[in-house]
Amino acid sequence: MNVRTGPDFSNSTEASNDHQQRKGSVLTRAVQTSKLKSRSTNRSIETLGACTSSKAPSTQPPKDIIAYHDAAKALCDPLLKVENGAYDQLIMNMIAEGISPNDLIDHVIPAAARQLGEEWLSDTRSFADVTIGTSRLQQIVRNLETSLVRENFVNIVERRALLIIPESEQHTLGSVIIANQFRRHGVRVDVIFDSKTNSLNSQISNKSYFLIGLSIGTDQSLKRSSSIVTMLRDCQADTPIALGGSALTCEPENIVSDIGADFFAHNVREALDLCDICVSRDAILPRQVVDA
């Protein structure tokens, strides 16, 4: 098992690592200088919600959701510029304008990925464009996380979760975001990318987890999930196994039962609640990644 820690989990060269560290430093400064403005923006949104809660529901989406959508659309073209990193300044501008790094990760980046997917379905983007774009969105998450982990850690839960992404999964952006959200809740996370069923036992048999999450985003992963769960039961018999992913949108509870997992979780908070884990919403931990 190859376990890596640090600000980046790509197999880049030393020069590339230096480049990513410089980008992380710039993002860190942007996060620090915009913190007061971001908090003010969040308070304004909360106040707006409190003031309008007694009124009839609006047919218009909330202003912050509109802002996230507009930001996501603005991000798509720079992601595909020939010069890698053309999107960095735009990300820093968004932070300076009050969109927090957490909101970028939770809202803007997923919306940008959906936008790329919709444009591919409408034949306005190629599959290569979507692949490049989502890869760079994933790098943005890593850079933002690097800037966030330098803050003080608070209320850390001495528990560890495992996320497994089967080898048939082509895109891992969603799992990277989920891992980030777990860490921000104070949970330590191991992530196994491109996992092969026959090698999982040796990788995790000597580990202790309070939760194992299995990402299922394709029909091929769904077909393999039963054998993965069976293997997990052999080496982690008492650990709850949660399923998640876009391939489970239809009757997920029935699929959970058929596969032999414990439950389906729509989000990180639900998964933690189902495991009776009380954690801080503000805690952040460094990233740790396990490569298959």
C-alpha atoms as a PDB file:
ATOM      1  CA  MET A   1       0.000   0.000   0.000  1.00  0.00           C
ATOM      2  CA  ASN A   2       1.343   3.366  -0.942  1.00  0.00           C
ATOM      3  CA  VAL A   3       0.227   6.114   1.436  1.00  0.00           C
ATOM      4  CA  ARG A   4       1.032   9.709   0.593  1.00  0.00           C
ATOM      5  CA  THR A   5       0.463  12.863   2.561  1.00  0.00           C
ATOM      6  CA  GLY A   6       0.982  16.483   1.570  1.00  0.00           C
ATOM      7  CA  PRO A   7      -0.445  19.302  -0.440  1.00  0.00           C
ATOM      8  CA  ASP A   8      -0.877  17.363  -3.692  1.00  0.00           C
ATOM      9  CA  PHE A   9      -1.630  13.770  -4.658  1.00  0.00           C
ATOM     10  CA  SER A  10      -0.675  13.831  -8.354  1.00  0.00           C
ATOM     11  CA  ASN A  11       2.392  12.057  -9.741  1.00  0.00           C
ATOM     12  CA  SER A  12       4.013  15.262 -10.894  1.00  0.00           C
ATOM     13  CA  THR A  13       7.663  16.171 -11.240  1.00  0.00           C
ATOM     14  CA  GLU A  14       9.550  18.249  -8.701  1.00  0.00           C
ATOM     15  CA  ALA A  15       9.203  21.342 -10.885  1.00  0.00           C
ATOM     16  CA  SER A  16       5.480  20.770 -11.187  1.00  0.00           C
ATOM     17  CA  ASN A  17       5.213  20.394  -7.392  1.00  0.00           C
ATOM     18  CA  ASP A  18       6.986  23.718  -6.934  1.00  0.00           C
ATOM     19  CA  HIS A  19       4.525  25.301  -9.377  1.00  0.00           C
ATOM     20  CA  GLN A  20       1.531  23.897  -7.501  1.00  0.00           C
ATOM     21  CA  GLN A  21       2.988  25.089  -4.154  1.00  0.00           C
ATOM     22  CA  ARG A  22       3.331  28.602  -5.540  1.00  0.00           C
ATOM     23  CA  LYS A  23      -0.292  28.504  -6.721  1.00  0.00           C
ATOM     24  CA  GLY A  24      -1.319  27.242  -3.283  1.00  0.00           C
ATOM     25  CA  SER A  25       0.507  30.139  -1.629  1.00  0.00           C
ATOM     26  CA  VAL A  26      -1.286  32.666  -3.826  1.00  0.00           C
ATOM     27  CA  LEU A  27      -4.630  31.083  -3.015  1.00  0.00           C
ATOM     28  CA  THR A  28      -3.756  31.098   0.683  1.00  0.00           C
ATOM     29  CA  ARG A  29      -3.146  34.843   0.593  1.00  0.00           C
ATOM     30  CA  ALA A  30      -6.393  35.352  -1.302  1.00  0.00           C
ATOM     31  CA  VAL A  31      -8.282  33.329   1.307  1.00  0.00           C
ATOM     32  CA  GLN A  32      -6.742  35.289   4.170  1.00  0.00           C
ATOM     33  CA  THR A  33      -7.320  38.736   2.690  1.00  0.00           C
ATOM     34  CA  SER A  34     -10.927  37.992   1.767  1.00  0.00           C
ATOM     35  CA  LYS A  35     -11.972  36.304   5.012  1.00  0.00           C
ATOM     36  CA  LEU A  36     -13.714  39.305   6.543  1.00  0.00           C
ATOM     37  CA  LYS A  37     -15.590  40.060   3.335  1.00  0.00           C
ATOM     38  CA  SER A  38     -16.622  36.421   2.959  1.00  0.00           C
ATOM     39  CA  ARG A  39     -17.945  36.280   6.515  1.00  0.00           C
ATOM     40  CA  SER A  40     -19.852  39.491   5.946  1.00  0.00           C
ATOM     41  CA  THR A  41     -21.384  38.032   2.791  1.00  0.00           C
ATOM     42  CA  ASN A  42     -22.434  34.865   4.636  1.00  0.00           C
ATOM     43  CA  ARG A  43     -24.019  36.918   7.433  1.00  0.00           C
ATOM     44  CA  SER A  44     -25.905  38.983   4.846  1.00  0.00           C
ATOM     45  CA  ILE A  45     -27.267  35.818   3.257  1.00  0.00           C
ATOM     46  CA  GLU A  46     -28.334  34.461   6.661  1.00  0.00           C
ATOM     47  CA  THR A  47     -30.004  37.760   7.533  1.00  0.00           C
ATOM     48  CA  LEU A  48     -31.802  37.784   4.206  1.00  0.00           C
ATOM     49  CA  GLY A  49     -33.125  34.297   4.890  1.00  0.00           C
ATOM     50  CA  ALA A  50     -34.296  35.259   8.370  1.00  0.00           C
ATOM     51  CA  CYS A  51     -36.045  38.403   7.154  1.00  0.00           C
ATOM     52  CA  THR A  52     -37.918  36.645   4.352  1.00  0.00           C
ATOM     53  CA  SER A  53     -38.783  33.390   6.109  1.00  0.00           C
ATOM     54  CA  SER A  54     -42.331  34.512   6.919  1.00  0.00           C
ATOM     55  CA  LYS A  55     -43.112  35.529   3.334  1.00  0.00           C
ATOM     56  CA  ALA A  56     -44.563  33.340   0.609  1.00  0.00           C
ATOM     57  CA  PRO A  57     -41.910  31.236  -1.186  1.00  0.00           C
ATOM     58  CA  SER A  58     -40.275  33.030  -4.090  1.00  0.00           C
ATOM     59  CA  THR A  59     -40.301  31.511  -7.549  1.00  0.00           C
ATOM     60  CA  GLN A  60     -36.789  32.893  -8.071  1.00  0.00           C
ATOM     61  CA  PRO A  61     -33.731  30.960  -6.810  1.00  0.00           C
ATOM     62  CA  PRO A  62     -31.758  32.534  -3.910  1.00  0.00           C
ATOM     63  CA  LYS A  63     -29.278  35.210  -4.898  1.00  0.00           C
ATOM     64  CA  ASP A  64     -26.303  33.170  -3.702  1.00  0.00           C
ATOM     65  CA  ILE A  65     -27.386  30.198  -5.859  1.00  0.00           C
ATOM     66  CA  ILE A  66     -27.597  32.519  -8.867  1.00  0.00           C
ATOM     67  CA  ALA A  67     -24.105  33.806  -8.038  1.00  0.00           C
ATOM     68  CA  TYR A  68     -22.743  30.239  -7.845  1.00  0.00           C
ATOM     69  CA  HIS A  69     -24.353  29.362 -11.173  1.00  0.00           C
ATOM     70  CA  ASP A  70     -22.957  32.461 -12.874  1.00  0.00           C
ATOM     71  CA  ALA A  71     -19.524  31.789 -11.397  1.00  0.00           C
ATOM     72  CA  ALA A  72     -19.613  28.200 -12.645  1.00  0.00           C
ATOM     73  CA  LYS A  73     -20.499  29.278 -16.194  1.00  0.00           C
ATOM     74  CA  ALA A  74     -17.733  31.885 -16.145  1.00  0.00           C
ATOM     75  CA  LEU A  75     -15.239  29.220 -15.098  1.00  0.00           C
ATOM     76  CA  CYS A  76     -15.839  26.737 -17.928  1.00  0.00           C
ATOM     77  CA  ASP A  77     -14.038  28.523 -20.775  1.00  0.00           C
ATOM     78  CA  PRO A  78     -10.872  29.425 -18.789  1.00  0.00           C
ATOM     79  CA  LEU A  79     -10.610  25.785 -17.704  1.00  0.00           C
ATOM     80  CA  LEU A  80     -10.008  24.809 -21.311  1.00  0.00           C
ATOM     81  CA  LYS A  81      -7.443  27.436 -22.215  1.00  0.00           C
ATOM     82  CA  VAL A  82      -4.270  25.992 -23.715  1.00  0.00           C
ATOM     83  CA  GLU A  83      -2.143  27.513 -20.976  1.00  0.00           C
ATOM     84  CA  ASN A  84      -2.732  25.396 -17.870  1.00  0.00           C
ATOM     85  CA  GLY A  85      -3.683  27.697 -14.992  1.00  0.00           C
ATOM     86  CA  ALA A  86      -5.568  30.361 -16.954  1.00  0.00           C
ATOM     87  CA  TYR A  87      -8.380  29.891 -14.437  1.00  0.00           C
ATOM     88  CA  ASP A  88      -6.290  30.742 -11.361  1.00  0.00           C
ATOM     89  CA  GLN A  89      -6.873  34.490 -11.509  1.00  0.00           C
ATOM     90  CA  LEU A  90     -10.602  33.965 -11.926  1.00  0.00           C
ATOM     91  CA  ILE A  91     -10.687  31.777  -8.802  1.00  0.00           C
ATOM     92  CA  MET A  92      -8.813  34.432  -6.829  1.00  0.00           C
ATOM     93  CA  ASN A  93     -11.227  37.085  -8.095  1.00  0.00           C
ATOM     94  CA  MET A  94     -14.196  34.993  -6.936  1.00  0.00           C
ATOM     95  CA  ILE A  95     -12.661  34.656  -3.471  1.00  0.00           C
ATOM     96  CA  ALA A  96     -11.964  38.406  -3.362  1.00  0.00           C
ATOM     97  CA  GLU A  97     -15.590  39.078  -4.278  1.00  0.00           C
ATOM     98  CA  GLY A  98     -16.816  37.084  -1.276  1.00  0.00           C
ATOM     99  CA  ILE A  99     -17.309  33.513  -2.488  1.00  0.00           C
ATOM    100  CA  SER A 100     -15.601  31.445   0.192  1.00  0.00           C
ATOM    101  CA  PRO A 101     -13.260  28.545  -0.674  1.00  0.00           C
ATOM    102  CA  ASN A 102     -15.772  26.158   0.907  1.00  0.00           C
ATOM    103  CA  ASP A 103     -18.568  27.503  -1.298  1.00  0.00           C
ATOM    104  CA  LEU A 104     -16.324  27.197  -4.327  1.00  0.00           C
ATOM    105  CA  ILE A 105     -15.736  23.536  -3.490  1.00  0.00           C
ATOM    106  CA  ASP A 106     -19.320  22.713  -2.485  1.00  0.00           C
ATOM    107  CA  HIS A 107     -21.267  24.729  -5.064  1.00  0.00           C
ATOM    108  CA  VAL A 108     -19.310  26.431  -7.845  1.00  0.00           C
ATOM    109  CA  ILE A 109     -17.020  23.563  -8.853  1.00  0.00           C
ATOM    110  CA  PRO A 110     -19.779  20.891  -8.959  1.00  0.00           C
ATOM    111  CA  ALA A 111     -21.955  23.317 -10.946  1.00  0.00           C
ATOM    112  CA  ALA A 112     -19.097  23.880 -13.407  1.00  0.00           C
ATOM    113  CA  ALA A 113     -18.706  20.116 -13.823  1.00  0.00           C
ATOM    114  CA  ARG A 114     -22.439  19.771 -14.499  1.00  0.00           C
ATOM    115  CA  GLN A 115     -22.244  22.628 -16.999  1.00  0.00           C
ATOM    116  CA  LEU A 116     -19.443  20.877 -18.892  1.00  0.00           C
ATOM    117  CA  GLY A 117     -21.455  17.660 -18.913  1.00  0.00           C
ATOM    118  CA  GLU A 118     -24.557  19.407 -20.241  1.00  0.00           C
ATOM    119  CA  GLU A 119     -22.523  21.060 -22.978  1.00  0.00           C
ATOM    120  CA  TRP A 120     -21.108  17.672 -23.965  1.00  0.00           C
ATOM    121  CA  LEU A 121     -24.634  16.239 -24.171  1.00  0.00           C
ATOM    122  CA  SER A 122     -25.617  19.136 -26.426  1.00  0.00           C
ATOM    123  CA  ASP A 123     -22.519  18.583 -28.605  1.00  0.00           C
ATOM    124  CA  THR A 124     -21.012  21.972 -27.788  1.00  0.00           C
ATOM    125  CA  ARG A 125     -18.086  20.403 -25.906  1.00  0.00           C
ATOM    126  CA  SER A 126     -16.050  17.343 -26.768  1.00  0.00           C
ATOM    127  CA  PHE A 127     -15.463  14.462 -24.358  1.00  0.00           C
ATOM    128  CA  ALA A 128     -11.816  15.546 -24.238  1.00  0.00           C
ATOM    129  CA  ASP A 129     -12.962  19.018 -23.127  1.00  0.00           C
ATOM    130  CA  VAL A 130     -14.997  17.495 -20.292  1.00  0.00           C
ATOM    131  CA  THR A 131     -12.091  15.287 -19.217  1.00  0.00           C
ATOM    132  CA  ILE A 132      -9.608  18.176 -19.202  1.00  0.00           C
ATOM    133  CA  GLY A 133     -12.078  20.505 -17.497  1.00  0.00           C
ATOM    134  CA  THR A 134     -12.987  18.121 -14.685  1.00  0.00           C
ATOM    135  CA  SER A 135      -9.319  17.286 -14.142  1.00  0.00           C
ATOM    136  CA  ARG A 136      -8.548  20.981 -13.675  1.00  0.00           C
ATOM    137  CA  LEU A 137     -11.566  21.436 -11.404  1.00  0.00           C
ATOM    138  CA  GLN A 138     -10.139  18.647  -9.291  1.00  0.00           C
ATOM    139  CA  GLN A 139      -6.799  20.463  -9.164  1.00  0.00           C
ATOM    140  CA  ILE A 140      -8.586  23.621  -7.997  1.00  0.00           C
ATOM    141  CA  VAL A 141     -10.090  21.645  -5.103  1.00  0.00           C
ATOM    142  CA  ARG A 142      -6.633  20.407  -4.157  1.00  0.00           C
ATOM    143  CA  ASN A 143      -5.164  23.922  -4.292  1.00  0.00           C
ATOM    144  CA  LEU A 144      -8.014  25.345  -2.220  1.00  0.00           C
ATOM    145  CA  GLU A 145      -7.654  22.553   0.314  1.00  0.00           C
ATOM    146  CA  THR A 146      -3.943  23.304   0.579  1.00  0.00           C
ATOM    147  CA  SER A 147      -4.801  26.895   1.490  1.00  0.00           C
ATOM    148  CA  LEU A 148      -7.388  25.786   4.042  1.00  0.00           C
ATOM    149  CA  VAL A 149      -5.359  23.152   5.917  1.00  0.00           C
ATOM    150  CA  ARG A 150      -2.971  25.845   7.154  1.00  0.00           C
ATOM    151  CA  GLU A 151      -5.668  27.213   9.408  1.00  0.00           C
ATOM    152  CA  ASN A 152      -6.008  26.044  13.019  1.00  0.00           C
ATOM    153  CA  PHE A 153      -7.551  22.592  13.434  1.00  0.00           C
ATOM    154  CA  VAL A 154     -10.433  22.483  15.909  1.00  0.00           C
ATOM    155  CA  ASN A 155     -12.616  19.753  17.431  1.00  0.00           C
ATOM    156  CA  ILE A 156     -10.923  16.989  15.504  1.00  0.00           C
ATOM    157  CA  VAL A 157     -12.700  13.653  15.647  1.00  0.00           C
ATOM    158  CA  GLU A 158     -10.292  10.791  16.279  1.00  0.00           C
ATOM    159  CA  ARG A 159     -12.125   8.630  13.777  1.00  0.00           C
ATOM    160  CA  ARG A 160     -11.123   7.537  10.304  1.00  0.00           C
ATOM    161  CA  ALA A 161     -13.284   6.913   7.247  1.00  0.00           C
ATOM    162  CA  LEU A 162     -12.385   5.140   4.018  1.00  0.00           C
ATOM    163  CA  LEU A 163     -13.581   6.149   0.555  1.00  0.00           C
ATOM    164  CA  ILE A 164     -13.241   3.618  -2.262  1.00  0.00           C
ATOM    165  CA  ILE A 165     -13.402   4.568  -5.941  1.00  0.00           C
ATOM    166  CA  PRO A 166     -13.534   1.424  -8.128  1.00  0.00           C
ATOM    167  CA  GLU A 167     -11.155   1.100 -11.062  1.00  0.00           C
ATOM    168  CA  SER A 168     -14.033   1.466 -13.544  1.00  0.00           C
ATOM    169  CA  GLU A 169     -14.732   5.059 -12.470  1.00  0.00           C
ATOM    170  CA  GLN A 170     -13.448   7.532 -15.067  1.00  0.00           C
ATOM    171  CA  HIS A 171     -14.088  10.728 -13.090  1.00  0.00           C
ATOM    172  CA  THR A 172     -13.155  11.199  -9.442  1.00  0.00           C
ATOM    173  CA  LEU A 173     -14.014  14.867  -8.865  1.00  0.00           C
ATOM    174  CA  GLY A 174     -17.089  14.040  -6.781  1.00  0.00           C
ATOM    175  CA  SER A 175     -15.119  11.735  -4.499  1.00  0.00           C
ATOM    176  CA  VAL A 176     -12.392  14.351  -4.009  1.00  0.00           C
ATOM    177  CA  ILE A 177     -15.069  16.865  -2.946  1.00  0.00           C
ATOM    178  CA  ILE A 178     -16.678  14.327  -0.581  1.00  0.00           C
ATOM    179  CA  ALA A 179     -13.284  13.627   1.014  1.00  0.00           C
ATOM    180  CA  ASN A 180     -12.759  17.370   1.465  1.00  0.00           C
ATOM    181  CA  GLN A 181     -16.162  17.705   3.150  1.00  0.00           C
ATOM    182  CA  PHE A 182     -15.376  14.849   5.541  1.00  0.00           C
ATOM    183  CA  ARG A 183     -12.139  16.566   6.550  1.00  0.00           C
ATOM    184  CA  ARG A 184     -13.939  19.857   7.107  1.00  0.00           C
ATOM    185  CA  HIS A 185     -16.214  17.980   9.514  1.00  0.00           C
ATOM    186  CA  GLY A 186     -13.102  16.917  11.425  1.00  0.00           C
ATOM    187  CA  VAL A 187     -12.932  13.339  10.129  1.00  0.00           C
ATOM    188  CA  ARG A 188      -9.712  11.758   8.936  1.00  0.00           C
ATOM    189  CA  VAL A 189     -10.066  10.154   5.505  1.00  0.00           C
ATOM    190  CA  ASP A 190      -8.209   7.546   3.488  1.00  0.00           C
ATOM    191  CA  VAL A 191      -9.064   7.483  -0.212  1.00  0.00           C
ATOM    192  CA  ILE A 192      -8.313   4.536  -2.480  1.00  0.00           C
ATOM    193  CA  PHE A 193      -8.450   5.494  -6.157  1.00  0.00           C
ATOM    194  CA  ASP A 194      -8.730   2.977  -8.987  1.00  0.00           C
ATOM    195  CA  SER A 195      -9.258   0.211  -6.455  1.00  0.00           C
ATOM    196  CA  LYS A 196      -9.062  -3.412  -7.533  1.00  0.00           C
ATOM    197  CA  THR A 197     -11.160  -5.888  -5.575  1.00  0.00           C
ATOM    198  CA  ASN A 198      -8.402  -8.482  -5.249  1.00  0.00           C
ATOM    199  CA  SER A 199      -5.985  -5.976  -3.672  1.00  0.00           C
ATOM    200  CA  LEU A 200      -8.309  -4.267  -1.172  1.00  0.00           C
ATOM    201  CA  ASN A 201      -7.869  -6.855   1.575  1.00  0.00           C
ATOM    202  CA  SER A 202      -4.121  -6.352   1.833  1.00  0.00           C
ATOM    203  CA  GLN A 203      -4.537  -2.584   1.782  1.00  0.00           C
ATOM    204  CA  ILE A 204      -7.038  -2.165   4.613  1.00  0.00           C
ATOM    205  CA  SER A 205      -7.010  -5.349   6.722  1.00  0.00           C
ATOM    206  CA  ASN A 206      -4.814  -3.740   9.388  1.00  0.00           C
ATOM    207  CA  LYS A 207      -6.814  -0.487   9.494  1.00  0.00           C
ATOM    208  CA  SER A 208      -9.729   0.523  11.695  1.00  0.00           C
ATOM    209  CA  TYR A 209     -12.552   2.578  10.159  1.00  0.00           C
ATOM    210  CA  PHE A 210     -15.863   3.799  11.539  1.00  0.00           C
ATOM    211  CA  LEU A 211     -17.281   4.066   8.001  1.00  0.00           C
ATOM    212  CA  ILE A 212     -16.479   2.817   4.508  1.00  0.00           C
ATOM    213  CA  GLY A 213     -17.941   4.717   1.567  1.00  0.00           C
ATOM    214  CA  LEU A 214     -18.184   3.155  -1.879  1.00  0.00           C
ATOM    215  CA  SER A 215     -18.596   5.534  -4.824  1.00  0.00           C
ATOM    216  CA  ILE A 216     -20.743   4.137  -7.639  1.00  0.00           C
ATOM    217  CA  GLY A 217     -21.002   6.465 -10.600  1.00  0.00           C
ATOM    218  CA  THR A 218     -21.304   4.017 -13.486  1.00  0.00           C
ATOM    219  CA  ASP A 219     -23.241   0.855 -14.322  1.00  0.00           C
ATOM    220  CA  GLN A 220     -19.947  -1.030 -14.515  1.00  0.00           C
ATOM    221  CA  SER A 221     -19.091  -0.050 -10.936  1.00  0.00           C
ATOM    222  CA  LEU A 222     -22.604  -1.041  -9.880  1.00  0.00           C
ATOM    223  CA  LYS A 223     -22.080  -4.519 -11.336  1.00  0.00           C
ATOM    224  CA  ARG A 224     -18.793  -4.898  -9.431  1.00  0.00           C
ATOM    225  CA  SER A 225     -20.036  -3.411  -6.169  1.00  0.00           C
ATOM    226  CA  SER A 226     -21.431  -6.651  -4.753  1.00  0.00           C
ATOM    227  CA  SER A 227     -18.047  -8.391  -4.913  1.00  0.00           C
ATOM    228  CA  ILE A 228     -16.373  -5.334  -3.360  1.00  0.00           C
ATOM    229  CA  VAL A 229     -18.844  -5.303  -0.457  1.00  0.00           C
ATOM    230  CA  THR A 230     -18.363  -9.044   0.060  1.00  0.00           C
ATOM    231  CA  MET A 231     -14.606  -8.584   0.286  1.00  0.00           C
ATOM    232  CA  LEU A 232     -15.015  -5.650   2.665  1.00  0.00           C
ATOM    233  CA  ARG A 233     -17.162  -7.776   4.970  1.00  0.00           C
ATOM    234  CA  ASP A 234     -14.322 -10.302   5.181  1.00  0.00           C
ATOM    235  CA  CYS A 235     -11.753  -7.792   6.444  1.00  0.00           C
ATOM    236  CA  GLN A 236     -13.943  -5.073   8.025  1.00  0.00           C
ATOM    237  CA  ALA A 237     -16.867  -7.119   9.340  1.00  0.00           C
ATOM    238  CA  ASP A 238     -18.124  -4.552  11.871  1.00  0.00           C
ATOM    239  CA  THR A 239     -17.686  -1.401   9.779  1.00  0.00           C
ATOM    240  CA  PRO A 240     -20.810   0.172   8.227  1.00  0.00           C
ATOM    241  CA  ILE A 241     -20.652   0.358   4.431  1.00  0.00           C
ATOM    242  CA  ALA A 242     -22.347   3.324   2.747  1.00  0.00           C
ATOM    243  CA  LEU A 243     -23.104   3.638  -0.935  1.00  0.00           C
ATOM    244  CA  GLY A 244     -23.233   6.861  -2.901  1.00  0.00           C
ATOM    245  CA  GLY A 245     -23.015   8.077  -6.461  1.00  0.00           C
ATOM    246  CA  SER A 246     -25.005   8.947  -9.545  1.00  0.00           C
ATOM    247  CA  ALA A 247     -25.622   5.313 -10.532  1.00  0.00           C
ATOM    248  CA  LEU A 248     -27.905   4.908  -7.506  1.00  0.00           C
ATOM    249  CA  THR A 249     -30.510   7.539  -8.336  1.00  0.00           C
ATOM    250  CA  CYS A 250     -33.227   4.924  -8.936  1.00  0.00           C
ATOM    251  CA  GLU A 251     -34.433   3.014  -5.847  1.00  0.00           C
ATOM    252  CA  PRO A 252     -31.118   3.225  -3.920  1.00  0.00           C
ATOM    253  CA  GLU A 253     -32.533   1.439  -0.869  1.00  0.00           C
ATOM    254  CA  ASN A 254     -33.293  -1.682  -2.931  1.00  0.00           C
ATOM    255  CA  ILE A 255     -29.817  -1.593  -4.438  1.00  0.00           C
ATOM    256  CA  VAL A 256     -28.267  -1.303  -0.978  1.00  0.00           C
ATOM    257  CA  SER A 257     -30.158  -4.394   0.144  1.00  0.00           C
ATOM    258  CA  ASP A 258     -29.261  -6.372  -2.985  1.00  0.00           C
ATOM    259  CA  ILE A 259     -25.563  -5.501  -2.738  1.00  0.00           C
ATOM    260  CA  GLY A 260     -25.358  -6.157   0.992  1.00  0.00           C
ATOM    261  CA  ALA A 261     -24.300  -2.679   2.108  1.00  0.00           C
ATOM    262  CA  ASP A 262     -25.767  -0.893   5.140  1.00  0.00           C
ATOM    263  CA  PHE A 263     -27.229   2.330   3.770  1.00  0.00           C
ATOM    264  CA  PHE A 264     -27.297   4.920   1.004  1.00  0.00           C
ATOM    265  CA  ALA A 265     -26.190   8.460   1.907  1.00  0.00           C
ATOM    266  CA  HIS A 266     -27.088  11.562  -0.078  1.00  0.00           C
ATOM    267  CA  ASN A 267     -24.294  13.616   1.523  1.00  0.00           C
ATOM    268  CA  VAL A 268     -21.541  13.614   4.125  1.00  0.00           C
ATOM    269  CA  ARG A 269     -23.711  14.996   6.913  1.00  0.00           C
ATOM    270  CA  GLU A 270     -26.292  12.240   6.415  1.00  0.00           C
ATOM    271  CA  ALA A 271     -23.605   9.548   6.441  1.00  0.00           C
ATOM    272  CA  LEU A 272     -22.169  10.863   9.710  1.00  0.00           C
ATOM    273  CA  ASP A 273     -25.617  11.141  11.286  1.00  0.00           C
ATOM    274  CA  LEU A 274     -26.448   7.551  10.325  1.00  0.00           C
ATOM    275  CA  CYS A 275     -23.234   6.477  12.075  1.00  0.00           C
ATOM    276  CA  ASP A 276     -24.138   8.567  15.162  1.00  0.00           C
ATOM    277  CA  ILE A 277     -20.976  10.648  14.753  1.00  0.00           C
ATOM    278  CA  CYS A 278     -21.120  14.169  16.157  1.00  0.00           C
ATOM    279  CA  VAL A 279     -18.424  16.354  14.623  1.00  0.00           C
ATOM    280  CA  SER A 280     -17.554  19.995  14.170  1.00  0.00           C
ATOM    281  CA  ARG A 281     -18.665  21.592  10.913  1.00  0.00           C
ATOM    282  CA  ASP A 282     -15.538  23.794  10.932  1.00  0.00           C
ATOM    283  CA  ALA A 283     -12.716  21.328  11.575  1.00  0.00           C
ATOM    284  CA  ILE A 284     -10.225  20.696   8.780  1.00  0.00           C
ATOM    285  CA  LEU A 285      -7.588  17.972   8.496  1.00  0.00           C
ATOM    286  CA  PRO A 286      -4.669  17.465   6.134  1.00  0.00           C
ATOM    287  CA  ARG A 287      -5.278  15.242   3.157  1.00  0.00           C
ATOM    288  CA  GLN A 288      -4.130  11.621   3.146  1.00  0.00           C
ATOM    289  CA  VAL A 289      -4.483   9.472   0.051  1.00  0.00           C
ATOM    290  CA  VAL A 290      -3.991   5.750  -0.466  1.00  0.00           C
ATOM    291  CA  ASP A 291      -3.214   4.701  -4.042  1.00  0.00           C
ATOM    292  CA  ALA A 292      -4.139   1.224  -5.230  1.00  0.00           C
END
